[in-house]
């Protein structure tokens, strides 16, 4: 069997990493590839480096459904420095009859002679390089020729997919969209865990006063008061759960900015937005205003903060892995001061007790209401229900385990 070994920080794993692995599978005829996140010092900043367990889980999510890709925790769990020679020897002991292939990006091939015991590595594996930058093929061939005296070197001809983990982290930190670079389940995991985000100076100032004037002029008195109530509720929830109160107030204030536009105007904004919109949302007029509103605040008010945009976009439908701000706006809309539906008191109590439990209760309430009216359920709402159901089960299991250990 031909077994590949592919190590890296995977901080976070992105589409370029998976592209490299798939290219290697195809070009070198590999049967399987083990992806191994490297150990990172515990003293590193959590805003820059995710934990080993988080990086492992993101890798598992990114590889899910791709035949031949497996994830190993060998380097994360190892008690010694993660030199590649030790990893190679580990896999040689596990699979003594396999042909081993060590996968590296082009940048690693160019400095391979500086690696610890590189000659021993090349005596045990076929070294396979996949380009990570356009235009570096000639340089790779020269490096391969130079290293061939020590062992077998192969180079993939597959064009690179240029993506940088460091740039993705910067994008996340600044709330700039990077979803096109990551597997959707990795995006959800990062949001749910709050990875790579930092608190500090805000990217933009949240001045709601001129926005209140706009809302007052373009909404009915009842809708305007609802928006003010939701903004107040979001501020309170942000203060309780450690989010920026001004940012939450701003997002809550604008969540219904397009609610009373004409159907034609709302649909035009939805179509222009470029957002991924499912058939169920397109068929349901009452869901357009969230999508339209997210696009409107971006284009007309200059909002660049992705968290605010998403909080408005998903405040009616929800989704798996919502950020804390998204949850606050979703729930703030349901428990604002003027709400008086049957279960509102229970909802208010849950919102200020446990956000995850409140989200699950709210989603069940919403789904039942839509079914009763004969409506359709968007896939993102179903995903959200499944996500929070699993989260509650995990939390329950964790509590039971802790009690058993006492």
Protein backbone atom coordinates (compact mmCIF):
# COMPACT_ATOMS: atom_id res chain seq x y z
CA UNK A 1 0.00 0.00 0.00
CA UNK A 2 1.15 3.53 -0.74
CA UNK A 3 0.77 5.70 2.35
CA UNK A 4 1.28 9.46 2.40
CA UNK A 5 2.35 11.57 5.39
CA UNK A 6 1.40 15.25 5.35
CA UNK A 7 2.30 17.42 8.34
CA UNK A 8 1.80 21.09 9.07
CA UNK A 9 0.39 23.56 11.56
CA UNK A 10 -3.03 23.56 9.79
CA UNK A 11 -3.85 26.76 11.65
CA UNK A 12 -6.49 26.62 10.29
CA UNK A 13 -6.73 23.92 7.65
CA UNK A 14 -7.91 25.53 4.40
CA UNK A 15 -8.89 24.51 0.88
CA UNK A 16 -5.29 24.83 -0.30
CA UNK A 17 -4.20 22.09 2.11
CA UNK A 18 -6.93 19.74 0.92
CA UNK A 19 -6.15 20.63 -2.71
CA UNK A 20 -2.52 19.65 -2.11
CA UNK A 21 -3.53 16.32 -0.54
CA UNK A 22 -5.94 15.48 -3.35
CA UNK A 23 -3.33 16.40 -5.97
CA UNK A 24 -0.82 14.10 -4.29
CA UNK A 25 -3.34 11.23 -4.15
CA UNK A 26 -3.92 11.55 -7.88
CA UNK A 27 -0.42 12.39 -9.15
CA UNK A 28 1.50 9.87 -7.03
CA UNK A 29 -1.10 7.08 -6.94
CA UNK A 30 -1.44 7.07 -3.15
CA UNK A 31 -3.94 4.84 -1.39
CA UNK A 32 -4.25 7.04 1.68
CA UNK A 33 -2.76 10.14 3.28
CA UNK A 34 -2.40 10.86 6.99
CA UNK A 35 -2.61 14.57 7.86
CA UNK A 36 -0.88 15.50 11.11
CA UNK A 37 -1.12 18.89 12.84
CA UNK A 38 2.16 19.82 14.51
CA UNK A 39 2.52 20.64 18.17
CA UNK A 40 2.57 24.36 19.03
CA UNK A 41 3.96 25.90 22.19
CA UNK A 42 1.28 26.46 24.85
CA UNK A 43 2.73 29.92 25.39
CA UNK A 44 1.68 31.06 21.91
CA UNK A 45 -1.16 33.61 21.66
CA UNK A 46 -4.58 31.94 21.40
CA UNK A 47 -5.61 34.68 18.97
CA UNK A 48 -2.95 33.45 16.55
CA UNK A 49 -2.78 29.72 17.30
CA UNK A 50 -5.67 27.35 17.91
CA UNK A 51 -5.12 24.47 20.32
CA UNK A 52 -4.02 21.07 19.11
CA UNK A 53 -7.46 19.61 19.75
CA UNK A 54 -9.15 22.40 17.81
CA UNK A 55 -6.79 21.97 14.86
CA UNK A 56 -7.35 18.21 14.93
CA UNK A 57 -11.11 18.68 14.88
CA UNK A 58 -10.95 21.19 12.03
CA UNK A 59 -8.85 18.71 10.05
CA UNK A 60 -11.37 15.95 10.68
CA UNK A 61 -14.17 18.21 9.48
CA UNK A 62 -12.24 19.28 6.37
CA UNK A 63 -11.38 15.66 5.45
CA UNK A 64 -14.84 14.28 6.15
CA UNK A 65 -16.25 12.57 3.08
CA UNK A 66 -12.96 12.57 1.14
CA UNK A 67 -11.90 8.98 0.59
CA UNK A 68 -8.30 8.25 1.49
CA UNK A 69 -7.71 11.24 3.78
CA UNK A 70 -7.15 10.35 7.44
CA UNK A 71 -6.16 12.46 10.45
CA UNK A 72 -3.47 11.48 12.95
CA UNK A 73 -2.83 12.99 16.39
CA UNK A 74 0.67 11.49 16.63
CA UNK A 75 2.61 14.79 16.68
CA UNK A 76 0.04 16.57 18.88
CA UNK A 77 0.21 13.77 21.47
CA UNK A 78 3.98 13.25 21.29
CA UNK A 79 6.07 14.24 24.32
CA UNK A 80 9.11 15.26 22.26
CA UNK A 81 9.91 17.84 19.61
CA UNK A 82 8.00 17.07 16.41
CA UNK A 83 10.95 16.42 14.10
CA UNK A 84 9.76 14.82 10.88
CA UNK A 85 12.23 11.95 11.18
CA UNK A 86 10.41 10.78 14.31
CA UNK A 87 7.08 10.92 12.49
CA UNK A 88 8.49 8.92 9.57
CA UNK A 89 9.90 6.30 11.96
CA UNK A 90 6.53 6.13 13.72
CA UNK A 91 4.65 5.37 10.50
CA UNK A 92 7.36 2.95 9.38
CA UNK A 93 6.79 0.99 12.60
CA UNK A 94 3.02 1.07 12.08
CA UNK A 95 3.13 0.05 8.42
CA UNK A 96 6.40 -1.82 7.83
CA UNK A 97 5.30 -3.16 4.44
CA UNK A 98 3.93 0.12 3.02
CA UNK A 99 5.65 2.46 0.60
CA UNK A 100 5.86 5.77 2.49
CA UNK A 101 5.50 9.14 0.76
CA UNK A 102 6.25 12.39 2.58
CA UNK A 103 4.26 15.32 1.20
CA UNK A 104 5.60 18.86 1.40
CA UNK A 105 4.73 22.20 -0.10
CA UNK A 106 7.13 23.89 -2.48
CA UNK A 107 8.47 26.20 0.24
CA UNK A 108 9.47 23.19 2.34
CA UNK A 109 11.22 21.42 -0.54
CA UNK A 110 13.46 24.44 -1.15
CA UNK A 111 14.86 24.31 2.37
CA UNK A 112 14.69 20.55 2.92
CA UNK A 113 18.46 20.16 3.35
CA UNK A 114 18.20 22.16 6.58
CA UNK A 115 15.75 19.70 8.14
CA UNK A 116 16.92 17.61 11.09
CA UNK A 117 18.38 14.31 9.79
CA UNK A 118 17.07 14.98 6.29
CA UNK A 119 19.26 12.23 4.80
CA UNK A 120 17.66 9.65 7.12
CA UNK A 121 14.22 10.88 6.11
CA UNK A 122 15.01 10.46 2.41
CA UNK A 123 16.35 6.96 3.00
CA UNK A 124 12.91 5.86 4.19
CA UNK A 125 10.39 7.79 2.08
CA UNK A 126 9.70 9.15 -1.37
CA UNK A 127 9.65 12.93 -1.00
CA UNK A 128 6.74 14.47 -2.91
CA UNK A 129 6.41 18.20 -3.50
CA UNK A 130 3.27 20.03 -4.60
CA UNK A 131 3.57 23.62 -5.73
CA UNK A 132 2.03 26.28 -3.48
CA UNK A 133 2.93 29.30 -5.58
CA UNK A 134 2.51 30.01 -9.26
CA UNK A 135 5.79 30.29 -11.18
CA UNK A 136 8.00 28.26 -8.85
CA UNK A 137 8.16 25.03 -10.91
CA UNK A 138 11.65 25.64 -12.32
CA UNK A 139 13.02 26.29 -8.84
CA UNK A 140 11.36 23.09 -7.58
CA UNK A 141 12.92 21.01 -10.32
CA UNK A 142 16.37 22.38 -9.46
CA UNK A 143 15.85 21.52 -5.77
CA UNK A 144 14.61 18.03 -6.68
CA UNK A 145 17.66 17.44 -8.86
CA UNK A 146 19.98 18.53 -6.05
CA UNK A 147 18.26 16.29 -3.46
CA UNK A 148 17.99 13.23 -5.73
CA UNK A 149 21.44 12.06 -4.65
CA UNK A 150 19.89 11.24 -1.25
CA UNK A 151 16.67 9.57 -2.36
CA UNK A 152 13.63 9.62 -4.61
CA UNK A 153 12.06 13.05 -5.21
CA UNK A 154 8.84 13.61 -7.15
CA UNK A 155 7.08 16.82 -8.10
CA UNK A 156 3.39 17.25 -8.85
CA UNK A 157 2.47 19.16 -11.99
CA UNK A 158 -0.91 20.17 -10.55
CA UNK A 159 -1.38 23.99 -10.54
CA UNK A 160 -1.33 25.46 -7.01
CA UNK A 161 -4.22 26.91 -5.06
CA UNK A 162 -2.65 29.94 -3.40
CA UNK A 163 -4.12 30.45 0.07
CA UNK A 164 -2.41 31.62 3.26
CA UNK A 165 -3.42 30.50 6.76
CA UNK A 166 -1.96 33.68 8.22
CA UNK A 167 -4.08 35.82 5.91
CA UNK A 168 -7.17 33.80 6.82
CA UNK A 169 -6.47 34.45 10.51
CA UNK A 170 -6.14 38.17 9.80
CA UNK A 171 -9.42 38.12 7.89
CA UNK A 172 -11.18 36.39 10.78
CA UNK A 173 -9.68 38.84 13.25
CA UNK A 174 -11.00 41.76 11.18
CA UNK A 175 -14.37 40.10 10.51
CA UNK A 176 -13.55 40.03 6.79
CA UNK A 177 -15.15 37.23 4.80
CA UNK A 178 -12.92 34.20 4.23
CA UNK A 179 -15.54 31.49 3.76
CA UNK A 180 -14.42 30.80 0.19
CA UNK A 181 -11.07 29.55 1.52
CA UNK A 182 -12.42 27.13 4.14
CA UNK A 183 -14.66 24.07 4.28
CA UNK A 184 -18.12 25.15 5.47
CA UNK A 185 -17.91 22.91 8.56
CA UNK A 186 -14.55 24.44 9.47
CA UNK A 187 -16.10 27.90 9.20
CA UNK A 188 -18.90 26.83 11.55
CA UNK A 189 -16.41 25.32 14.00
CA UNK A 190 -14.28 28.49 14.07
CA UNK A 191 -17.37 30.62 14.71
CA UNK A 192 -18.76 28.35 17.41
CA UNK A 193 -15.42 28.26 19.24
CA UNK A 194 -14.54 31.93 18.68
CA UNK A 195 -11.12 30.99 17.27
CA UNK A 196 -8.58 33.56 16.01
CA UNK A 197 -10.57 36.55 17.25
CA UNK A 198 -9.14 39.29 19.45
CA UNK A 199 -10.73 41.93 21.61
CA UNK A 200 -9.36 45.43 21.39
CA UNK A 201 -9.75 48.45 19.16
CA UNK A 202 -12.79 48.04 16.95
CA UNK A 203 -12.53 48.02 13.17
CA UNK A 204 -15.26 50.63 12.87
CA UNK A 205 -17.16 52.99 15.12
CA UNK A 206 -20.78 52.23 15.82
CA UNK A 207 -22.71 55.50 15.70
CA UNK A 208 -26.41 54.66 15.64
CA UNK A 209 -27.86 58.16 15.77
CA UNK A 210 -28.07 58.87 12.03
CA UNK A 211 -29.32 55.29 11.48
CA UNK A 212 -32.19 55.96 13.89
CA UNK A 213 -33.19 58.93 11.75
CA UNK A 214 -33.20 56.73 8.66
CA UNK A 215 -35.27 54.03 10.36
CA UNK A 216 -37.77 56.53 11.72
CA UNK A 217 -38.28 57.94 8.22
CA UNK A 218 -38.56 54.54 6.50
CA UNK A 219 -40.36 52.29 9.00
CA UNK A 220 -43.80 52.41 10.56
CA UNK A 221 -43.96 53.65 14.15
CA UNK A 222 -44.57 50.07 15.35
CA UNK A 223 -41.61 48.64 13.40
CA UNK A 224 -39.35 51.49 14.50
CA UNK A 225 -40.20 50.87 18.16
CA UNK A 226 -39.55 47.15 17.69
CA UNK A 227 -36.10 47.96 16.25
CA UNK A 228 -35.32 50.20 19.22
CA UNK A 229 -36.48 47.47 21.64
CA UNK A 230 -34.36 44.82 19.93
CA UNK A 231 -31.33 47.13 20.04
CA UNK A 232 -31.83 47.61 23.80
CA UNK A 233 -32.23 43.86 24.32
CA UNK A 234 -29.09 43.10 22.31
CA UNK A 235 -27.08 45.56 24.40
CA UNK A 236 -28.21 43.84 27.62
CA UNK A 237 -27.40 40.38 26.26
CA UNK A 238 -23.98 41.54 25.04
CA UNK A 239 -23.18 42.92 28.49
CA UNK A 240 -24.19 39.62 30.08
CA UNK A 241 -22.29 37.39 27.66
CA UNK A 242 -19.12 39.43 27.16
CA UNK A 243 -19.73 40.86 23.69
CA UNK A 244 -19.31 44.48 22.60
CA UNK A 245 -22.53 46.24 23.73
CA UNK A 246 -22.28 49.05 21.16
CA UNK A 247 -21.77 46.61 18.32
CA UNK A 248 -24.70 44.45 19.48
CA UNK A 249 -26.93 47.53 19.82
CA UNK A 250 -26.01 48.63 16.29
CA UNK A 251 -26.74 45.19 14.79
CA UNK A 252 -30.03 44.88 16.67
CA UNK A 253 -31.09 48.36 15.60
CA UNK A 254 -30.59 47.57 11.90
CA UNK A 255 -31.86 43.98 11.80
CA UNK A 256 -35.20 44.99 10.20
CA UNK A 257 -33.90 47.88 8.10
CA UNK A 258 -35.49 46.45 4.92
CA UNK A 259 -38.55 44.88 6.54
CA UNK A 260 -41.07 47.35 5.10
CA UNK A 261 -39.58 47.84 1.66
CA UNK A 262 -41.73 46.68 -1.25
CA UNK A 263 -41.48 43.04 -2.26
CA UNK A 264 -39.87 44.06 -5.53
CA UNK A 265 -37.20 46.15 -3.80
CA UNK A 266 -36.42 43.41 -1.27
CA UNK A 267 -36.14 40.74 -3.94
CA UNK A 268 -33.90 42.97 -6.07
CA UNK A 269 -31.52 43.39 -3.12
CA UNK A 270 -31.55 39.63 -2.46
CA UNK A 271 -30.63 38.94 -6.08
CA UNK A 272 -27.88 41.59 -6.11
CA UNK A 273 -26.40 40.51 -2.78
CA UNK A 274 -24.29 37.64 -4.06
CA UNK A 275 -25.11 35.75 -0.86
CA UNK A 276 -25.79 32.02 -1.03
CA UNK A 277 -29.59 31.88 -0.88
CA UNK A 278 -31.47 28.59 -0.92
CA UNK A 279 -34.68 27.84 -2.80
CA UNK A 280 -36.70 27.79 0.43
CA UNK A 281 -35.61 31.34 1.27
CA UNK A 282 -36.38 32.57 -2.23
CA UNK A 283 -39.86 31.05 -1.99
CA UNK A 284 -40.62 32.67 1.37
CA UNK A 285 -41.26 36.40 1.18
CA UNK A 286 -41.01 36.89 4.96
CA UNK A 287 -37.35 35.78 4.87
CA UNK A 288 -36.17 38.24 2.22
CA UNK A 289 -35.70 41.20 4.56
CA UNK A 290 -32.83 39.58 6.47
CA UNK A 291 -30.85 38.88 3.30
CA UNK A 292 -31.74 42.25 1.79
CA UNK A 293 -30.90 44.05 5.04
CA UNK A 294 -27.43 42.50 5.28
CA UNK A 295 -26.64 43.65 1.76
CA UNK A 296 -28.23 47.06 2.30
CA UNK A 297 -26.18 47.97 5.40
CA UNK A 298 -23.03 46.91 3.60
CA UNK A 299 -23.72 48.95 0.47
CA UNK A 300 -25.59 51.97 1.88
CA UNK A 301 -24.15 52.34 5.39
CA UNK A 302 -20.63 51.08 4.65
CA UNK A 303 -20.74 48.26 7.23
CA UNK A 304 -17.73 46.00 6.69
CA UNK A 305 -17.92 43.99 9.89
CA UNK A 306 -18.85 40.47 8.75
CA UNK A 307 -20.27 39.63 12.19
CA UNK A 308 -22.84 42.45 11.94
CA UNK A 309 -23.67 41.55 8.34
CA UNK A 310 -24.21 37.89 9.26
CA UNK A 311 -26.23 38.78 12.37
CA UNK A 312 -28.69 40.64 10.14
CA UNK A 313 -28.55 38.02 7.36
CA UNK A 314 -29.42 35.10 9.65
CA UNK A 315 -31.64 36.74 12.28
CA UNK A 316 -34.77 34.97 10.97
CA UNK A 317 -33.42 31.60 9.83
CA UNK A 318 -30.37 30.89 11.99
CA UNK A 319 -27.56 28.57 10.96
CA UNK A 320 -25.11 26.09 12.46
CA UNK A 321 -22.11 27.56 14.25
CA UNK A 322 -23.56 31.04 14.76
CA UNK A 323 -21.26 33.59 16.35
CA UNK A 324 -22.20 34.95 19.77
CA UNK A 325 -23.37 38.22 18.18
CA UNK A 326 -25.54 36.31 15.68
CA UNK A 327 -27.14 34.41 18.57
CA UNK A 328 -27.73 37.65 20.49
CA UNK A 329 -29.52 39.34 17.57
CA UNK A 330 -31.52 36.19 16.76
CA UNK A 331 -32.71 35.89 20.37
CA UNK A 332 -32.96 39.63 21.05
CA UNK A 333 -35.49 39.82 18.21
CA UNK A 334 -37.59 37.10 19.88
CA UNK A 335 -37.64 38.54 23.41
CA UNK A 336 -37.78 42.31 22.80
CA UNK A 337 -39.96 44.29 25.20
CA UNK A 338 -43.15 44.37 23.08
CA UNK A 339 -43.25 40.60 22.36
CA UNK A 340 -46.26 38.89 23.97
CA UNK A 341 -46.62 35.42 22.39
CA UNK A 342 -47.50 32.41 24.53
CA UNK A 343 -43.99 31.18 25.44
CA UNK A 344 -42.22 34.54 25.61
CA UNK A 345 -41.69 34.46 29.40
CA UNK A 346 -40.01 31.07 29.22
CA UNK A 347 -37.92 32.28 26.27
CA UNK A 348 -36.80 35.39 28.19
CA UNK A 349 -35.76 33.28 31.16
CA UNK A 350 -33.74 30.91 28.97
CA UNK A 351 -32.04 33.74 27.07
CA UNK A 352 -30.57 35.10 30.28
CA UNK A 353 -29.68 31.65 31.62
CA UNK A 354 -28.15 29.59 28.81
CA UNK A 355 -27.73 30.87 25.23
CA UNK A 356 -27.27 27.40 23.73
CA UNK A 357 -30.42 26.06 25.37
CA UNK A 358 -32.26 29.23 24.36
CA UNK A 359 -31.17 28.83 20.75
CA UNK A 360 -32.42 25.24 20.62
CA UNK A 361 -35.74 26.18 22.23
CA UNK A 362 -36.15 29.12 19.82
CA UNK A 363 -35.39 26.97 16.77
CA UNK A 364 -37.90 24.31 17.82
CA UNK A 365 -40.47 27.04 18.41
CA UNK A 366 -39.78 28.56 14.99
CA UNK A 367 -39.80 25.26 13.09
CA UNK A 368 -43.09 24.17 14.71
CA UNK A 369 -44.63 27.53 13.80
CA UNK A 370 -43.59 27.22 10.15
CA UNK A 371 -44.84 23.63 9.90
CA UNK A 372 -48.17 24.64 11.42
CA UNK A 373 -48.55 27.29 8.71
CA UNK A 374 -47.57 24.84 5.97
CA UNK A 375 -44.33 26.64 5.16
CA UNK A 376 -40.95 25.29 4.08
CA UNK A 377 -37.85 25.01 6.29
CA UNK A 378 -34.56 26.37 4.89
CA UNK A 379 -31.64 23.90 5.15
CA UNK A 380 -29.66 26.39 7.26
CA UNK A 381 -32.44 26.29 9.88
CA UNK A 382 -32.37 22.49 9.92
CA UNK A 383 -28.57 22.62 10.22
CA UNK A 384 -28.91 25.05 13.13
CA UNK A 385 -31.38 22.75 14.91
CA UNK A 386 -29.05 19.75 14.46
CA UNK A 387 -26.04 21.79 15.57
CA UNK A 388 -27.61 23.02 18.84
CA UNK A 389 -29.16 19.61 19.53
CA UNK A 390 -25.72 17.99 19.33
CA UNK A 391 -24.23 20.80 21.41
CA UNK A 392 -26.78 20.23 24.17
CA UNK A 393 -26.12 16.48 24.14
CA UNK A 394 -22.36 17.08 24.37
CA UNK A 395 -22.81 19.50 27.26
CA UNK A 396 -25.09 17.05 29.07
CA UNK A 397 -22.61 14.21 28.56
CA UNK A 398 -19.73 16.38 29.81
CA UNK A 399 -21.65 17.31 32.96
CA UNK A 400 -22.52 13.67 33.64
CA UNK A 401 -18.87 12.68 33.21
CA UNK A 402 -17.72 15.37 35.65
CA UNK A 403 -20.30 14.26 38.22
CA UNK A 404 -19.18 10.65 37.87
CA UNK A 405 -15.55 11.63 38.49
CA UNK A 406 -16.35 13.46 41.74
